[in-house]
């Protein structure tokens, strides 16, 4: 009987491949998760610390470090991170050798509310707690503020954040009992009465024109109130 060695070689090769695959799968599933790598995307100053992020990377009330990688639920870890009011979005990845990486995009504050409680408003208009790790230099918001009604404050804070002139000069926002808004200027001791947000762009342009002329005339420090409530004119009250 003639033996076909070609078939034997193919059979042995298949067995070898199956063995190596099973060995690799078994070895890979038993790899332990090493200390997670935490990367912050975007903001250079972390409002939430690496330690705080690590504390959120838990599964079944236990840290993931040292656990077999095949029992780690990445979607569960992402959900835990995204539940933090400091975090805008989070993605968690696992490499083949058990290195777990969490990429964190923090919320970005554009205003800080100071009433009976203090907190930030982020660039999407949502609540963000203060951080013990870093304080953002953003306009301070005072006055008649309701946490569940921040639309007007968010819109003016967003406008200030996106406009270089306003970003440089406006330090605080006050919302009055009738929901009208006042702005306060950094270097000059006067109040800008903005009123409502109707015709906001026109009012801001009026403020810029007034400021430019007052600086040129060297009268900028002579005013106590600059009234922009009427979009067609600027009414000024001297000290």
Protein backbone atom coordinates (compact mmCIF):
# COMPACT_ATOMS: atom_id res chain seq x y z
CA UNK A 1 0.00 0.00 0.00
CA UNK A 2 1.39 3.34 -1.05
CA UNK A 3 1.34 6.10 1.60
CA UNK A 4 0.51 9.61 0.40
CA UNK A 5 2.88 11.75 2.42
CA UNK A 6 1.36 14.95 1.05
CA UNK A 7 -1.91 14.26 2.91
CA UNK A 8 0.01 13.48 6.07
CA UNK A 9 1.94 16.73 5.85
CA UNK A 10 -1.26 18.72 5.36
CA UNK A 11 -2.91 16.92 8.29
CA UNK A 12 0.06 17.58 10.59
CA UNK A 13 0.15 21.22 9.49
CA UNK A 14 -3.56 21.65 10.26
CA UNK A 15 -3.07 20.07 13.70
CA UNK A 16 -0.15 22.41 14.37
CA UNK A 17 -2.17 25.48 13.37
CA UNK A 18 -5.11 24.41 15.56
CA UNK A 19 -2.78 23.77 18.49
CA UNK A 20 -1.03 27.15 18.14
CA UNK A 21 -4.36 28.97 17.84
CA UNK A 22 -5.77 27.24 20.92
CA UNK A 23 -2.57 27.89 22.87
CA UNK A 24 -2.53 31.55 21.85
CA UNK A 25 -6.23 31.99 22.70
CA UNK A 26 -5.80 30.36 26.10
CA UNK A 27 -2.70 32.38 26.88
CA UNK A 28 -4.32 35.61 25.71
CA UNK A 29 -7.49 35.05 27.75
CA UNK A 30 -5.41 34.54 30.89
CA UNK A 31 -3.45 37.76 30.51
CA UNK A 32 -3.89 40.15 33.40
CA UNK A 33 -4.85 43.79 32.97
CA UNK A 34 -1.92 46.04 33.84
CA UNK A 35 -2.22 49.54 35.33
CA UNK A 36 -4.59 51.51 33.04
CA UNK A 37 -3.18 54.28 30.86
CA UNK A 38 -5.26 57.47 31.10
CA UNK A 39 -5.06 60.06 28.32
CA UNK A 40 -6.74 63.46 28.37
CA UNK A 41 -7.85 64.73 24.98
CA UNK A 42 -7.99 68.48 24.26
CA UNK A 43 -7.75 70.53 27.48
CA UNK A 44 -4.19 70.80 28.80
CA UNK A 45 -5.33 71.29 32.41
CA UNK A 46 -7.24 68.33 33.87
CA UNK A 47 -10.32 69.23 35.92
CA UNK A 48 -10.55 65.57 36.90
CA UNK A 49 -7.41 63.81 38.12
CA UNK A 50 -5.88 60.55 36.95
CA UNK A 51 -6.69 59.10 40.38
CA UNK A 52 -10.37 60.04 40.05
CA UNK A 53 -10.55 58.43 36.61
CA UNK A 54 -8.87 55.29 37.95
CA UNK A 55 -11.50 55.05 40.69
CA UNK A 56 -14.20 55.02 38.00
CA UNK A 57 -12.49 52.14 36.19
CA UNK A 58 -14.10 49.45 38.32
CA UNK A 59 -16.14 46.38 37.49
CA UNK A 60 -18.27 44.49 39.99
CA UNK A 61 -17.05 46.99 42.60
CA UNK A 62 -13.43 45.96 42.05
CA UNK A 63 -10.54 47.56 40.22
CA UNK A 64 -9.76 46.10 36.82
CA UNK A 65 -6.01 46.03 37.45
CA UNK A 66 -4.79 42.45 37.80
CA UNK A 67 -8.01 40.92 36.45
CA UNK A 68 -8.01 38.55 33.44
CA UNK A 69 -8.56 40.61 30.31
CA UNK A 70 -11.32 38.35 28.94
CA UNK A 71 -13.70 39.24 31.81
CA UNK A 72 -13.37 42.99 31.30
CA UNK A 73 -16.50 44.68 29.91
CA UNK A 74 -15.22 47.75 28.05
CA UNK A 75 -18.72 49.16 27.44
CA UNK A 76 -19.41 49.00 31.19
CA UNK A 77 -16.20 50.90 31.93
CA UNK A 78 -17.07 53.54 29.31
CA UNK A 79 -20.53 53.94 30.84
CA UNK A 80 -18.97 54.44 34.29
CA UNK A 81 -16.63 57.13 32.96
CA UNK A 82 -19.36 58.89 30.99
CA UNK A 83 -21.51 59.06 34.12
CA UNK A 84 -19.05 61.55 35.63
CA UNK A 85 -20.32 65.17 35.41
CA UNK A 86 -16.73 66.22 34.66
CA UNK A 87 -16.41 64.04 31.54
CA UNK A 88 -17.84 64.92 28.14
CA UNK A 89 -16.97 61.60 26.50
CA UNK A 90 -14.76 58.59 27.18
CA UNK A 91 -13.47 55.67 25.14
CA UNK A 92 -11.80 52.58 26.58
CA UNK A 93 -9.54 50.27 24.57
CA UNK A 94 -7.77 47.02 25.38
CA UNK A 95 -4.61 45.88 23.59
CA UNK A 96 -3.78 42.22 22.93
CA UNK A 97 -1.20 42.23 25.71
CA UNK A 98 -3.65 43.49 28.36
CA UNK A 99 -2.92 47.22 28.31
CA UNK A 100 -6.12 49.13 29.05
CA UNK A 101 -6.27 52.71 27.79
CA UNK A 102 -8.94 55.27 28.69
CA UNK A 103 -9.18 58.36 26.47
CA UNK A 104 -10.97 61.17 28.30
CA UNK A 105 -12.46 64.33 26.82
CA UNK A 106 -13.38 66.67 29.65
CA UNK A 107 -16.27 69.10 29.68
CA UNK A 108 -15.17 72.65 28.88
CA UNK A 109 -16.55 75.37 31.18
CA UNK A 110 -17.55 78.76 29.76
CA UNK A 111 -19.07 80.36 32.88
CA UNK A 112 -19.03 79.89 36.65
CA UNK A 113 -22.26 80.34 38.59
CA UNK A 114 -22.03 81.64 42.15
CA UNK A 115 -25.31 81.66 44.04
CA UNK A 116 -26.27 79.51 47.03
CA UNK A 117 -24.19 76.86 45.28
CA UNK A 118 -21.33 77.16 42.82
CA UNK A 119 -20.82 75.26 39.59
CA UNK A 120 -19.74 75.68 35.97
CA UNK A 121 -21.83 75.81 32.81
CA UNK A 122 -20.05 73.92 30.03
CA UNK A 123 -19.92 74.74 26.30
CA UNK A 124 -23.03 72.64 25.67
CA UNK A 125 -25.08 74.37 28.35
CA UNK A 126 -25.02 71.58 30.90
CA UNK A 127 -24.03 71.44 34.56
CA UNK A 128 -20.39 70.87 35.51
CA UNK A 129 -19.19 70.78 39.14
CA UNK A 130 -16.24 72.82 40.34
CA UNK A 131 -12.89 71.08 40.39
CA UNK A 132 -10.50 70.91 43.32
CA UNK A 133 -7.73 70.27 40.80
CA UNK A 134 -8.02 73.32 38.55
CA UNK A 135 -10.01 76.59 38.37
CA UNK A 136 -11.07 77.88 34.97
CA UNK A 137 -10.80 81.60 34.18
CA UNK A 138 -14.32 82.18 32.90
CA UNK A 139 -16.94 84.90 33.56
CA UNK A 140 -18.59 84.78 36.97
CA UNK A 141 -22.40 84.56 36.98
CA UNK A 142 -24.46 86.03 39.82
CA UNK A 143 -28.02 87.14 40.50
CA UNK A 144 -31.35 85.41 39.93
CA UNK A 145 -30.16 82.02 38.67
CA UNK A 146 -32.13 78.77 38.48
CA UNK A 147 -30.14 75.63 37.77
CA UNK A 148 -32.87 74.17 35.58
CA UNK A 149 -33.24 77.38 33.55
CA UNK A 150 -29.82 78.42 32.27
CA UNK A 151 -30.73 79.22 28.66
CA UNK A 152 -30.11 82.98 28.75
CA UNK A 153 -26.94 82.63 30.83
CA UNK A 154 -25.63 79.91 28.51
CA UNK A 155 -26.32 81.96 25.38
CA UNK A 156 -24.54 85.09 26.63
CA UNK A 157 -21.66 83.03 28.07
CA UNK A 158 -21.31 81.24 24.74
CA UNK A 159 -21.27 84.58 22.93
CA UNK A 160 -18.55 85.89 25.26
CA UNK A 161 -16.50 82.72 24.84
CA UNK A 162 -16.63 82.95 21.03
CA UNK A 163 -15.88 86.70 20.77
CA UNK A 164 -12.30 87.80 21.44
CA UNK A 165 -13.28 91.35 22.46
CA UNK A 166 -15.86 90.13 24.98
CA UNK A 167 -13.58 87.35 26.18
CA UNK A 168 -10.89 89.89 27.06
CA UNK A 169 -13.10 92.56 28.63
CA UNK A 170 -16.12 90.88 30.28
CA UNK A 171 -15.47 89.40 33.72
CA UNK A 172 -18.96 88.79 35.09
CA UNK A 173 -22.63 88.44 34.21
CA UNK A 174 -25.56 89.32 36.45
CA UNK A 175 -29.11 88.16 35.80
CA UNK A 176 -31.69 90.44 37.39
CA UNK A 177 -35.03 89.45 38.89
CA UNK A 178 -36.77 90.32 35.59
CA UNK A 179 -34.26 88.09 33.73
CA UNK A 180 -32.51 91.02 32.06
CA UNK A 181 -28.73 90.82 31.94
CA UNK A 182 -25.91 93.12 33.03
CA UNK A 183 -22.25 92.70 32.10
CA UNK A 184 -19.23 93.98 34.01
CA UNK A 185 -16.00 95.09 32.35
CA UNK A 186 -12.54 94.02 33.52
CA UNK A 187 -10.49 97.24 33.60
CA UNK A 188 -13.16 99.94 33.70
CA UNK A 189 -15.55 100.45 36.57
CA UNK A 190 -18.84 100.56 34.68
CA UNK A 191 -21.84 98.30 34.16
CA UNK A 192 -23.17 97.32 30.75
CA UNK A 193 -26.96 96.99 30.79
CA UNK A 194 -27.60 94.43 28.08
CA UNK A 195 -31.29 93.86 28.77
CA UNK A 196 -32.69 90.87 26.89
CA UNK A 197 -30.82 88.85 24.27
CA UNK A 198 -32.90 90.26 21.41
CA UNK A 199 -30.72 91.83 18.71
CA UNK A 200 -27.69 90.58 20.64
CA UNK A 201 -25.20 90.90 17.79
CA UNK A 202 -26.27 94.48 17.12
CA UNK A 203 -25.97 95.37 20.80
CA UNK A 204 -22.48 93.87 20.97
CA UNK A 205 -21.43 95.82 17.88
CA UNK A 206 -22.75 98.99 19.52
CA UNK A 207 -20.69 98.22 22.62
CA UNK A 208 -17.55 97.71 20.56
CA UNK A 209 -18.10 101.00 18.70
CA UNK A 210 -18.68 102.86 21.97
CA UNK A 211 -15.59 101.30 23.56
CA UNK A 212 -13.38 102.15 20.60
CA UNK A 213 -14.52 105.79 20.57
CA UNK A 214 -14.29 106.17 24.38
CA UNK A 215 -10.75 104.80 24.38
CA UNK A 216 -9.80 107.19 21.57
CA UNK A 217 -11.35 110.16 23.43
CA UNK A 218 -9.85 108.98 26.74
CA UNK A 219 -13.27 109.10 28.39
CA UNK A 220 -13.68 105.38 29.07
CA UNK A 221 -13.27 105.82 32.83
CA UNK A 222 -15.86 108.59 33.02
CA UNK A 223 -18.90 106.31 32.78
CA UNK A 224 -20.88 104.48 35.42
CA UNK A 225 -23.48 102.76 33.22
CA UNK A 226 -23.57 101.90 29.53
CA UNK A 227 -27.12 101.04 28.47
CA UNK A 228 -27.51 98.77 25.43
CA UNK A 229 -31.18 97.88 25.97
CA UNK A 230 -32.12 99.88 22.89
CA UNK A 231 -30.47 98.26 19.89
CA UNK A 232 -30.35 101.50 17.88
CA UNK A 233 -28.32 103.53 20.39
CA UNK A 234 -25.98 103.50 23.37
CA UNK A 235 -27.08 105.53 26.39
CA UNK A 236 -24.30 106.35 28.85
CA UNK A 237 -24.48 107.60 32.42
CA UNK A 238 -21.42 109.39 33.76
CA UNK A 239 -20.09 109.00 37.27
